[in-house]
């Protein structure tokens, strides 16, 4: 009854955010390649009259890409978003949004000058009313059509280069499901040709920044949708878990007693329909997911391929990831060794840091373990467990950033797989965001994690630890340098003393230093006074 009441109460709010702004989906916008909608506050494009932003040409990164995608000009996502738009709103100061009508992450108020820090909490630490409110918010998002955004149902070529727009409405929750599908779908090369080794949000450096932005935007849309500015996504701490302890009807849905692949009829999510889960069908028809319902959420946790994923991640696995000093390495894809990103994503062993194509660990392990909708990348966001899982993955990313305090230059500038360079714009977000913009502490983006607050990243130990680790790597050099310095100091000191004494002996008598005892000093003073 409480959930039903909350749902009815929240139904009055209508808003959204995500991919193609509805205001930019006309043939005029597409053919002119401009997306600079007016801000409702003053009616000017990008709120220019109020100093919020202006319509500007997009400047694309020219940094070279890795060899993983050996094509050019065949995919709408290349050099995002230039296939669709080459002019968008560039917002000033603390303003953000496709029309500069929002505040940047971490800023609030009518002029976006107020700083706030929200805290994401363990879902098991929520009170019953808080947990029920979260579930009600999810259902509201699932049943509210986006007011601001639409999804394309065809490629730019299928739209006759913009003259025949192909877009559909979509609800707020499924908008984000569609975005996760779109960023990870296969490339359609024309005819029946498909290229599968491409992903603009996984298997490369952008994995963690992309999902960080994805969660932030989803969180902001729920705040706007409900009017609850304090809403944050809860996380599921799966370290050392022996089973899916959130897979109960009280939380994210228990198992259906009649069919173990379905959710319990008593679950809040048993009636949900998934979208974008039939990748092979889209490939065969050379079309895009259009948001049509495709059946219920599938989930059968624990009944997965145990040869590939023998167990869920442990605390020791997480600690090993955090000990890796390199964010990225080598080929910067799923074959990278000793890469924090690749190990956390789950393509490298959390015991050795060596890439292992036969195993799925860490982040990947949770997806495989769920054995259903979560286990296929493009449609995995259909299952709301996705949000709780990725919030915790993001918290591990945050721990690594606080422990190692990397400069932004640590994020690869060039030669990463397509879409993953530091200055590349992240697909498929409009307004535009670069990968490197989210390679910073969560606190700079306005949020923190409850379990990280107590262990204070500002403590002296955490602050000094990176420097101690660096010192331990160069201590042999430091000791050698100190020894050489000592020898040189002794030699130079001896030579200086020898030269000094020899010079004294060679000085003529009138140039010898004047050495006087106390009586001679007073006599000299007396004579000077006379």
Protein backbone atom coordinates (compact mmCIF):
# COMPACT_ATOMS: atom_id res chain seq x y z
CA UNK A 1 0.00 0.00 0.00
CA UNK A 2 2.86 2.35 0.86
CA UNK A 3 4.50 1.75 -2.52
CA UNK A 4 1.22 2.31 -4.32
CA UNK A 5 0.66 5.56 -2.46
CA UNK A 6 4.15 6.76 -3.25
CA UNK A 7 3.72 5.83 -6.89
CA UNK A 8 0.47 7.78 -7.19
CA UNK A 9 1.99 10.76 -5.42
CA UNK A 10 5.03 10.83 -7.73
CA UNK A 11 3.10 10.38 -10.98
CA UNK A 12 2.55 14.14 -11.23
CA UNK A 13 6.22 14.85 -12.04
CA UNK A 14 7.24 14.67 -15.71
CA UNK A 15 10.86 15.23 -16.85
CA UNK A 16 13.91 13.39 -18.19
CA UNK A 17 17.43 13.41 -19.70
CA UNK A 18 19.79 11.28 -21.76
CA UNK A 19 20.46 11.07 -25.50
CA UNK A 20 18.87 12.92 -28.44
CA UNK A 21 17.11 16.06 -27.17
CA UNK A 22 13.56 16.14 -28.47
CA UNK A 23 14.16 19.77 -29.46
CA UNK A 24 16.95 18.65 -31.83
CA UNK A 25 15.21 15.69 -33.50
CA UNK A 26 13.68 17.57 -36.43
CA UNK A 27 14.87 17.31 -40.03
CA UNK A 28 15.92 20.97 -39.84
CA UNK A 29 18.22 20.33 -36.88
CA UNK A 30 19.64 17.16 -38.40
CA UNK A 31 20.30 18.65 -41.81
CA UNK A 32 21.79 21.82 -40.35
CA UNK A 33 23.66 19.65 -37.83
CA UNK A 34 22.91 22.02 -34.98
CA UNK A 35 21.57 21.24 -31.49
CA UNK A 36 21.33 24.52 -29.58
CA UNK A 37 17.83 24.60 -28.04
CA UNK A 38 16.59 27.68 -26.20
CA UNK A 39 16.69 27.81 -22.42
CA UNK A 40 13.16 28.36 -21.13
CA UNK A 41 14.42 30.91 -18.64
CA UNK A 42 15.10 33.58 -21.25
CA UNK A 43 14.12 31.98 -24.57
CA UNK A 44 17.59 32.34 -26.08
CA UNK A 45 19.65 29.46 -27.51
CA UNK A 46 21.73 27.90 -24.73
CA UNK A 47 20.57 30.68 -22.37
CA UNK A 48 23.03 33.05 -24.01
CA UNK A 49 21.15 36.20 -22.95
CA UNK A 50 21.57 35.13 -19.32
CA UNK A 51 25.23 34.24 -19.73
CA UNK A 52 24.63 30.51 -19.36
CA UNK A 53 26.26 29.41 -22.61
CA UNK A 54 26.43 29.85 -26.37
CA UNK A 55 26.06 27.80 -29.55
CA UNK A 56 29.53 26.78 -30.73
CA UNK A 57 31.26 24.49 -33.19
CA UNK A 58 32.28 21.13 -31.76
CA UNK A 59 36.05 20.66 -31.53
CA UNK A 60 36.90 16.99 -31.93
CA UNK A 61 40.03 15.33 -30.64
CA UNK A 62 42.61 14.50 -33.32
CA UNK A 63 44.57 12.08 -31.13
CA UNK A 64 45.28 8.79 -32.94
CA UNK A 65 43.23 5.72 -32.02
CA UNK A 66 44.18 2.12 -31.36
CA UNK A 67 44.00 -0.50 -34.14
CA UNK A 68 40.97 -2.39 -32.79
CA UNK A 69 38.50 -0.76 -35.23
CA UNK A 70 40.11 -0.67 -38.70
CA UNK A 71 37.35 1.35 -40.40
CA UNK A 72 36.35 4.97 -40.83
CA UNK A 73 33.06 6.59 -41.75
CA UNK A 74 30.91 3.47 -41.32
CA UNK A 75 29.41 3.97 -37.83
CA UNK A 76 27.28 6.86 -36.53
CA UNK A 77 29.18 6.79 -33.24
CA UNK A 78 32.56 7.63 -34.77
CA UNK A 79 33.85 11.10 -33.80
CA UNK A 80 30.75 11.53 -31.67
CA UNK A 81 28.44 13.42 -32.25
CA UNK A 82 29.63 14.88 -35.58
CA UNK A 83 27.55 12.53 -37.75
CA UNK A 84 24.42 14.13 -36.29
CA UNK A 85 25.54 17.55 -35.01
CA UNK A 86 28.61 19.75 -35.35
CA UNK A 87 27.27 22.66 -33.27
CA UNK A 88 25.97 22.28 -29.71
CA UNK A 89 25.59 24.36 -26.56
CA UNK A 90 28.85 25.08 -24.77
CA UNK A 91 27.89 26.05 -21.21
CA UNK A 92 29.75 28.55 -19.04
CA UNK A 93 30.67 28.42 -15.38
CA UNK A 94 28.66 25.95 -13.33
CA UNK A 95 25.90 25.49 -15.93
CA UNK A 96 25.27 22.24 -17.79
CA UNK A 97 22.72 20.56 -20.03
CA UNK A 98 21.76 20.41 -23.71
CA UNK A 99 20.37 23.96 -23.35
CA UNK A 100 22.56 24.96 -20.34
CA UNK A 101 19.45 24.83 -18.15
CA UNK A 102 20.94 22.58 -15.44
CA UNK A 103 23.72 22.87 -12.88
CA UNK A 104 26.98 20.95 -13.11
CA UNK A 105 27.29 17.91 -10.89
CA UNK A 106 27.81 19.03 -7.31
CA UNK A 107 26.24 22.48 -7.78
CA UNK A 108 22.72 23.59 -6.91
CA UNK A 109 20.49 26.64 -6.67
CA UNK A 110 18.95 29.04 -9.22
CA UNK A 111 22.38 30.34 -10.26
CA UNK A 112 24.26 27.07 -9.65
CA UNK A 113 26.51 28.56 -6.97
CA UNK A 114 25.66 26.31 -4.02
CA UNK A 115 27.95 23.34 -3.34
CA UNK A 116 26.46 20.12 -1.94
CA UNK A 117 27.84 16.66 -1.25
CA UNK A 118 25.37 13.79 -1.47
CA UNK A 119 26.15 10.36 -0.03
CA UNK A 120 25.42 7.02 -1.69
CA UNK A 121 24.59 4.39 0.94
CA UNK A 122 24.56 0.62 1.22
CA UNK A 123 21.07 -0.57 0.28
CA UNK A 124 20.96 -2.64 3.48
CA UNK A 125 21.51 0.52 5.52
CA UNK A 126 18.33 2.14 4.16
CA UNK A 127 15.33 2.24 6.42
CA UNK A 128 12.19 0.47 5.20
CA UNK A 129 10.57 3.76 4.08
CA UNK A 130 13.79 4.79 2.30
CA UNK A 131 14.07 1.46 0.55
CA UNK A 132 10.41 1.51 -0.49
CA UNK A 133 10.81 5.04 -1.80
CA UNK A 134 13.75 3.93 -3.95
CA UNK A 135 11.68 1.08 -5.42
CA UNK A 136 8.79 3.47 -6.07
CA UNK A 137 11.14 5.89 -7.85
CA UNK A 138 12.32 3.08 -10.14
CA UNK A 139 8.75 2.18 -11.07
CA UNK A 140 7.85 5.81 -11.65
CA UNK A 141 10.81 6.16 -14.03
CA UNK A 142 9.69 2.97 -15.81
CA UNK A 143 6.21 4.42 -16.41
CA UNK A 144 7.01 8.06 -17.22
CA UNK A 145 7.60 9.09 -20.84
CA UNK A 146 10.65 11.27 -21.23
CA UNK A 147 9.66 14.87 -21.83
CA UNK A 148 13.09 15.95 -23.07
CA UNK A 149 14.58 13.05 -25.00
CA UNK A 150 13.79 10.58 -27.77
CA UNK A 151 15.71 7.61 -29.22
CA UNK A 152 16.62 7.09 -32.89
CA UNK A 153 15.20 3.94 -34.45
CA UNK A 154 17.42 4.08 -37.51
CA UNK A 155 20.92 5.07 -38.51
CA UNK A 156 21.71 8.49 -39.97
CA UNK A 157 21.84 6.85 -43.40
CA UNK A 158 18.45 5.23 -42.88
CA UNK A 159 17.14 8.72 -42.03
CA UNK A 160 18.25 9.84 -45.51
CA UNK A 161 21.02 11.89 -43.93
CA UNK A 162 18.56 13.61 -41.61
CA UNK A 163 15.81 14.52 -44.03
CA UNK A 164 13.55 11.72 -42.73
CA UNK A 165 13.91 11.62 -38.92
CA UNK A 166 13.27 8.26 -37.26
CA UNK A 167 12.71 8.69 -33.51
CA UNK A 168 10.52 7.12 -30.82
CA UNK A 169 9.34 8.21 -27.40
CA UNK A 170 10.71 6.23 -24.46
CA UNK A 171 10.25 6.16 -20.69
CA UNK A 172 12.89 7.59 -18.36
CA UNK A 173 14.22 4.23 -17.13
CA UNK A 174 14.36 2.64 -20.58
CA UNK A 175 16.08 5.71 -21.99
CA UNK A 176 19.15 4.72 -19.99
CA UNK A 177 18.74 1.05 -20.95
CA UNK A 178 18.73 2.14 -24.58
CA UNK A 179 21.86 4.26 -24.09
CA UNK A 180 23.74 1.29 -22.63
CA UNK A 181 22.64 -0.81 -25.61
CA UNK A 182 23.58 1.87 -28.15
CA UNK A 183 27.07 2.46 -26.77
CA UNK A 184 27.92 -1.26 -26.79
CA UNK A 185 26.11 -2.53 -29.91
CA UNK A 186 27.96 -4.04 -32.87
CA UNK A 187 28.92 -1.87 -35.83
CA UNK A 188 26.72 -2.21 -38.92
CA UNK A 189 29.13 -2.10 -41.87
CA UNK A 190 26.53 -2.32 -44.62
CA UNK A 191 24.87 -5.27 -46.32
CA UNK A 192 25.15 -8.23 -43.97
CA UNK A 193 28.55 -7.25 -42.58
CA UNK A 194 28.85 -6.84 -38.80
CA UNK A 195 31.91 -5.82 -36.75
CA UNK A 196 31.71 -7.09 -33.18
CA UNK A 197 35.04 -5.90 -31.74
CA UNK A 198 33.80 -2.44 -30.86
CA UNK A 199 32.42 -0.94 -27.66
CA UNK A 200 32.46 2.71 -26.68
CA UNK A 201 31.94 2.05 -22.94
CA UNK A 202 33.61 -1.30 -22.16
CA UNK A 203 36.87 -3.20 -22.60
CA UNK A 204 39.01 -0.04 -22.62
CA UNK A 205 39.99 3.02 -20.49
CA UNK A 206 36.58 4.70 -20.73
CA UNK A 207 34.79 1.88 -18.90
CA UNK A 208 34.95 3.55 -15.48
CA UNK A 209 34.43 7.23 -16.49
CA UNK A 210 31.55 6.28 -18.82
CA UNK A 211 29.63 4.36 -16.17
CA UNK A 212 30.37 7.09 -13.63
CA UNK A 213 28.67 9.64 -15.88
CA UNK A 214 25.86 7.19 -16.69
CA UNK A 215 25.01 6.82 -12.97
CA UNK A 216 25.29 10.55 -12.33
CA UNK A 217 22.87 11.37 -15.14
CA UNK A 218 20.47 8.64 -14.05
CA UNK A 219 20.63 9.95 -10.48
CA UNK A 220 20.02 13.54 -11.61
CA UNK A 221 17.01 12.49 -13.68
CA UNK A 222 15.42 10.74 -10.73
CA UNK A 223 16.00 13.87 -8.66
CA UNK A 224 14.26 15.96 -11.32
CA UNK A 225 11.51 13.41 -11.90
CA UNK A 226 10.56 13.17 -8.23
CA UNK A 227 11.60 16.58 -6.92
CA UNK A 228 13.76 14.75 -4.37
CA UNK A 229 17.08 16.61 -4.62
CA UNK A 230 18.63 14.39 -1.94
CA UNK A 231 18.12 11.13 -3.85
CA UNK A 232 21.19 8.97 -4.42
CA UNK A 233 21.61 5.51 -5.93
CA UNK A 234 22.26 2.89 -3.24
CA UNK A 235 25.04 0.37 -3.73
CA UNK A 236 25.33 -3.35 -3.16
CA UNK A 237 28.58 -4.34 -1.45
CA UNK A 238 29.13 -7.79 -2.96
CA UNK A 239 32.57 -8.47 -1.47
CA UNK A 240 32.72 -11.99 -0.04
CA UNK A 241 29.03 -12.61 -0.84
CA UNK A 242 28.06 -16.28 -0.97
CA UNK A 243 24.85 -15.62 -2.86
CA UNK A 244 22.67 -12.81 -4.19
CA UNK A 245 21.47 -11.40 -0.88
CA UNK A 246 19.60 -8.56 -2.62
CA UNK A 247 17.62 -11.07 -4.71
CA UNK A 248 14.61 -11.18 -2.40
CA UNK A 249 11.11 -9.83 -2.84
CA UNK A 250 11.86 -7.24 -0.17
CA UNK A 251 14.63 -5.80 -2.34
CA UNK A 252 15.35 -6.52 -6.04
CA UNK A 253 13.19 -9.59 -6.56
CA UNK A 254 13.24 -13.23 -5.47
CA UNK A 255 13.12 -16.37 -7.60
CA UNK A 256 9.85 -17.51 -9.18
CA UNK A 257 8.98 -20.91 -7.62
CA UNK A 258 7.42 -22.10 -10.88
CA UNK A 259 10.24 -20.94 -13.17
CA UNK A 260 13.71 -20.27 -11.74
CA UNK A 261 14.58 -18.01 -14.66
CA UNK A 262 11.85 -15.51 -13.75
CA UNK A 263 11.28 -13.18 -10.81
CA UNK A 264 8.81 -14.00 -8.09
CA UNK A 265 5.23 -12.78 -8.74
CA UNK A 266 5.49 -10.96 -5.41
CA UNK A 267 8.50 -9.00 -6.64
CA UNK A 268 8.25 -5.33 -7.38
CA UNK A 269 9.83 -5.98 -10.81
CA UNK A 270 8.08 -9.16 -11.95
CA UNK A 271 5.87 -7.24 -14.39
CA UNK A 272 8.71 -5.22 -15.93
CA UNK A 273 9.38 -5.67 -19.64
CA UNK A 274 12.89 -5.50 -21.05
CA UNK A 275 14.06 -3.76 -24.24
CA UNK A 276 17.15 -3.98 -26.47
CA UNK A 277 17.93 -7.59 -25.53
CA UNK A 278 17.84 -9.19 -29.00
CA UNK A 279 21.15 -8.05 -30.48
CA UNK A 280 21.41 -10.81 -33.08
CA UNK A 281 17.98 -9.98 -34.45
CA UNK A 282 18.90 -6.30 -34.83
CA UNK A 283 22.13 -7.33 -36.56
CA UNK A 284 20.34 -9.64 -38.98
CA UNK A 285 17.90 -6.87 -39.90
CA UNK A 286 20.61 -4.17 -39.82
CA UNK A 287 18.46 -2.01 -37.63
CA UNK A 288 18.54 -0.45 -34.18
CA UNK A 289 16.62 -1.34 -31.05
CA UNK A 290 13.44 0.75 -31.15
CA UNK A 291 12.41 0.37 -27.50
CA UNK A 292 9.71 -2.24 -28.06
CA UNK A 293 8.99 -4.54 -25.10
CA UNK A 294 10.62 -7.96 -25.47
CA UNK A 295 9.54 -9.96 -22.43
CA UNK A 296 10.16 -10.12 -18.67
CA UNK A 297 13.43 -9.69 -16.78
CA UNK A 298 15.35 -12.96 -16.66
CA UNK A 299 17.50 -13.82 -13.65
CA UNK A 300 18.70 -17.12 -12.20
CA UNK A 301 21.56 -16.20 -9.86
CA UNK A 302 24.15 -18.85 -9.14
CA UNK A 303 23.12 -21.25 -11.91
CA UNK A 304 25.75 -19.91 -14.29
CA UNK A 305 28.89 -21.29 -15.95
CA UNK A 306 31.03 -21.96 -12.87
CA UNK A 307 34.03 -22.90 -14.98
CA UNK A 308 34.11 -19.34 -16.25
CA UNK A 309 33.14 -17.66 -12.97
CA UNK A 310 33.81 -20.01 -10.04
CA UNK A 311 32.97 -17.47 -7.32
CA UNK A 312 31.94 -13.92 -6.54
CA UNK A 313 34.71 -11.37 -5.85
CA UNK A 314 36.36 -11.30 -2.43
CA UNK A 315 37.73 -8.47 -0.31
CA UNK A 316 41.22 -9.70 -1.21
CA UNK A 317 40.37 -9.41 -4.92
CA UNK A 318 39.31 -5.80 -4.43
CA UNK A 319 42.44 -5.00 -2.42
CA UNK A 320 44.66 -6.49 -5.14
CA UNK A 321 42.94 -4.28 -7.74
CA UNK A 322 43.52 -1.24 -5.58
CA UNK A 323 47.23 -2.10 -5.24
CA UNK A 324 47.78 -1.87 -9.01
CA UNK A 325 49.50 1.44 -9.75
CA UNK A 326 48.76 1.62 -13.49
CA UNK A 327 45.31 2.75 -14.54
CA UNK A 328 45.85 1.39 -18.05
CA UNK A 329 48.59 -0.52 -19.84
CA UNK A 330 49.69 -2.16 -23.07
CA UNK A 331 47.01 -2.44 -25.73
CA UNK A 332 44.52 -0.68 -23.43
CA UNK A 333 41.82 -3.24 -24.16
CA UNK A 334 40.70 -6.53 -22.59
CA UNK A 335 44.16 -8.02 -23.18
CA UNK A 336 45.92 -5.44 -20.95
CA UNK A 337 48.08 -6.81 -18.10
CA UNK A 338 48.56 -5.16 -14.70
CA UNK A 339 45.89 -2.61 -15.60
CA UNK A 340 43.67 -1.48 -12.72
CA UNK A 341 40.82 -0.83 -15.15
CA UNK A 342 41.09 -4.20 -16.90
CA UNK A 343 41.39 -6.09 -13.62
CA UNK A 344 38.42 -4.33 -12.03
CA UNK A 345 36.37 -4.76 -15.19
CA UNK A 346 37.08 -8.48 -14.95
CA UNK A 347 39.17 -9.41 -17.98
CA UNK A 348 42.35 -9.87 -15.92
CA UNK A 349 42.89 -12.08 -12.88
CA UNK A 350 42.41 -10.38 -9.48
CA UNK A 351 45.19 -12.65 -8.20
CA UNK A 352 47.89 -11.79 -10.75
CA UNK A 353 46.69 -8.89 -12.90
CA UNK A 354 47.30 -10.99 -16.03
CA UNK A 355 44.60 -10.95 -18.72
CA UNK A 356 42.72 -14.25 -18.96
CA UNK A 357 40.14 -14.68 -21.72
CA UNK A 358 38.82 -17.90 -20.17
CA UNK A 359 37.68 -16.25 -16.93
CA UNK A 360 35.22 -13.53 -15.93
CA UNK A 361 36.02 -11.95 -12.59
CA UNK A 362 35.31 -8.80 -10.57
CA UNK A 363 32.73 -6.59 -12.37
CA UNK A 364 32.15 -9.19 -15.08
CA UNK A 365 31.65 -11.93 -12.49
CA UNK A 366 28.52 -10.28 -11.10
CA UNK A 367 26.99 -10.01 -14.57
CA UNK A 368 27.72 -13.67 -15.36
CA UNK A 369 26.55 -14.80 -11.90
CA UNK A 370 23.08 -13.27 -12.44
CA UNK A 371 22.61 -15.69 -15.34
CA UNK A 372 19.95 -13.80 -17.29
CA UNK A 373 19.24 -10.29 -18.52
CA UNK A 374 22.29 -8.95 -16.65
CA UNK A 375 24.60 -11.39 -18.45
CA UNK A 376 24.36 -9.85 -21.92
CA UNK A 377 26.11 -6.49 -22.13
CA UNK A 378 23.79 -4.48 -24.43
CA UNK A 379 20.59 -5.17 -22.44
CA UNK A 380 22.07 -5.63 -18.97
CA UNK A 381 20.77 -2.29 -17.63
CA UNK A 382 17.20 -3.64 -17.89
CA UNK A 383 17.73 -5.35 -14.54
CA UNK A 384 17.74 -2.72 -11.76
CA UNK A 385 20.43 -4.76 -9.98
CA UNK A 386 22.69 -3.14 -12.62
CA UNK A 387 22.47 0.21 -10.81
CA UNK A 388 23.40 -1.18 -7.39
CA UNK A 389 26.23 -3.23 -8.87
CA UNK A 390 27.77 -0.37 -10.84
CA UNK A 391 27.48 2.01 -7.92
CA UNK A 392 29.75 -0.32 -5.96
CA UNK A 393 32.15 -0.71 -8.91
CA UNK A 394 32.30 3.09 -9.05
CA UNK A 395 33.15 3.18 -5.33
CA UNK A 396 36.17 0.93 -5.98
CA UNK A 397 37.23 3.28 -8.77
CA UNK A 398 36.90 6.12 -6.25
CA UNK A 399 39.08 4.29 -3.74
CA UNK A 400 41.78 3.87 -6.37
CA UNK A 401 41.67 7.57 -7.27
CA UNK A 402 42.02 8.57 -3.61
CA UNK A 403 44.81 6.11 -2.93
CA UNK A 404 46.97 6.92 -5.95
CA UNK A 405 45.93 10.55 -6.60
CA UNK A 406 46.70 10.39 -10.36
CA UNK A 407 47.00 13.47 -12.51
CA UNK A 408 44.49 13.65 -15.36
CA UNK A 409 47.41 12.97 -17.72
CA UNK A 410 47.47 9.40 -16.36
CA UNK A 411 44.33 8.74 -18.41
CA UNK A 412 45.53 7.82 -21.95
CA UNK A 413 45.52 10.71 -24.38
CA UNK A 414 45.98 8.61 -27.53
CA UNK A 415 46.02 5.10 -29.03
CA UNK A 416 43.13 3.79 -26.91
CA UNK A 417 40.32 1.93 -28.75
CA UNK A 418 37.89 4.15 -30.61
CA UNK A 419 35.93 6.47 -28.32
CA UNK A 420 38.20 5.90 -25.31
CA UNK A 421 40.91 8.56 -25.64
CA UNK A 422 41.02 11.19 -22.91
CA UNK A 423 39.57 13.98 -25.08
CA UNK A 424 37.02 11.82 -26.91
CA UNK A 425 33.37 12.70 -26.30
CA UNK A 426 31.46 9.86 -24.66
CA UNK A 427 28.80 8.13 -26.76
CA UNK A 428 25.83 8.77 -26.81
CA UNK A 429 25.55 11.73 -24.46
CA UNK A 430 24.22 15.14 -25.47
CA UNK A 431 25.29 17.49 -23.93
CA UNK A 432 28.88 16.46 -24.51
CA UNK A 433 31.25 15.06 -21.92
CA UNK A 434 34.85 13.91 -22.35
CA UNK A 435 36.30 10.74 -20.80
CA UNK A 436 38.96 12.68 -18.93
CA UNK A 437 36.37 14.94 -17.28
CA UNK A 438 35.33 12.06 -15.00
CA UNK A 439 38.80 10.84 -14.09
CA UNK A 440 38.52 12.88 -10.90
CA UNK A 441 37.36 12.33 -7.33
CA UNK A 442 33.64 11.81 -6.81
CA UNK A 443 33.69 14.60 -4.24
CA UNK A 444 34.55 17.03 -7.02
CA UNK A 445 31.37 15.79 -8.72
CA UNK A 446 29.21 16.27 -5.64
CA UNK A 447 28.91 12.79 -4.15
CA UNK A 448 30.61 10.33 -1.83
CA UNK A 449 30.11 6.79 -0.51
CA UNK A 450 29.11 6.16 3.09
CA UNK A 451 31.72 3.47 3.69
CA UNK A 452 34.50 5.70 2.31
CA UNK A 453 33.69 8.66 4.52
CA UNK A 454 34.81 6.92 7.71
CA UNK A 455 38.15 5.96 6.21
CA UNK A 456 38.80 9.62 5.38
CA UNK A 457 40.92 10.02 2.26
CA UNK A 458 42.28 13.20 3.83
CA UNK A 459 43.93 11.27 6.66
CA UNK A 460 47.71 11.58 6.85
CA UNK A 461 48.20 7.87 6.17
CA UNK A 462 46.21 7.92 2.94
CA UNK A 463 47.86 11.14 1.87
CA UNK A 464 51.42 9.97 2.47
CA UNK A 465 50.95 6.37 1.25
CA UNK A 466 51.36 7.10 -2.49
CA UNK A 467 54.58 8.97 -1.82
CA UNK A 468 55.92 6.15 0.36
CA UNK A 469 55.14 3.69 -2.42
CA UNK A 470 57.01 5.86 -4.92
CA UNK A 471 59.94 6.23 -2.53
CA UNK A 472 60.11 2.44 -2.03
CA UNK A 473 60.52 2.03 -5.78
CA UNK A 474 63.48 4.42 -6.01
CA UNK A 475 65.19 3.85 -2.64
CA UNK A 476 68.23 2.03 -4.15
CA UNK A 477 68.85 5.04 -6.38
CA UNK A 478 68.42 7.43 -3.44
CA UNK A 479 70.93 5.49 -1.28
CA UNK A 480 73.46 5.35 -4.12
CA UNK A 481 73.05 9.06 -4.78
CA UNK A 482 73.55 9.81 -1.09
CA UNK A 483 76.77 7.76 -0.94
CA UNK A 484 78.18 9.41 -4.06
CA UNK A 485 77.22 12.80 -2.64
CA UNK A 486 79.02 12.05 0.62
CA UNK A 487 82.23 11.06 -1.17
CA UNK A 488 82.14 14.13 -3.39
CA UNK A 489 81.52 16.38 -0.37
CA UNK A 490 84.52 14.89 1.47
CA UNK A 491 86.82 15.28 -1.54
CA UNK A 492 85.73 18.85 -2.24
CA UNK A 493 86.10 19.73 1.45
CA UNK A 494 89.68 18.38 1.54
CA UNK A 495 90.67 20.22 -1.62
CA UNK A 496 89.21 23.48 -0.32
CA UNK A 497 91.11 23.20 2.99
CA UNK A 498 94.39 22.40 1.23
CA UNK A 499 94.08 25.33 -1.15
CA UNK A 500 93.16 27.66 1.71
CA UNK A 501 96.29 26.84 3.77
CA UNK A 502 98.58 27.07 0.75
CA UNK A 503 97.19 30.51 -0.08
CA UNK A 504 97.83 31.80 3.47
CA UNK A 505 101.46 30.81 3.29
CA UNK A 506 101.96 32.68 0.01
CA UNK A 507 100.46 36.00 1.17
CA UNK A 508 102.96 38.95 1.79
CA UNK A 509 103.22 40.25 5.33
CA UNK A 510 101.13 43.40 4.77
CA UNK A 511 98.27 41.25 3.47
CA UNK A 512 98.27 38.77 6.34
CA UNK A 513 95.03 38.71 8.34
CA UNK A 514 95.05 41.08 11.33
CA UNK A 515 94.96 38.95 14.47
CA UNK A 516 94.73 40.86 17.74
CA UNK A 517 94.22 40.02 21.38
CA UNK A 518 91.83 41.95 23.62
CA UNK A 519 94.40 44.61 24.72
CA UNK A 520 95.48 45.36 21.15
CA UNK A 521 91.78 45.76 20.14
CA UNK A 522 91.10 48.39 22.83
CA UNK A 523 94.38 50.23 21.94
CA UNK A 524 93.24 50.42 18.30
CA UNK A 525 89.89 51.87 19.32
CA UNK A 526 91.63 54.54 21.47
CA UNK A 527 93.89 55.61 18.56
CA UNK A 528 90.95 55.85 16.19
CA UNK A 529 89.11 58.16 18.55
CA UNK A 530 92.13 60.48 18.65
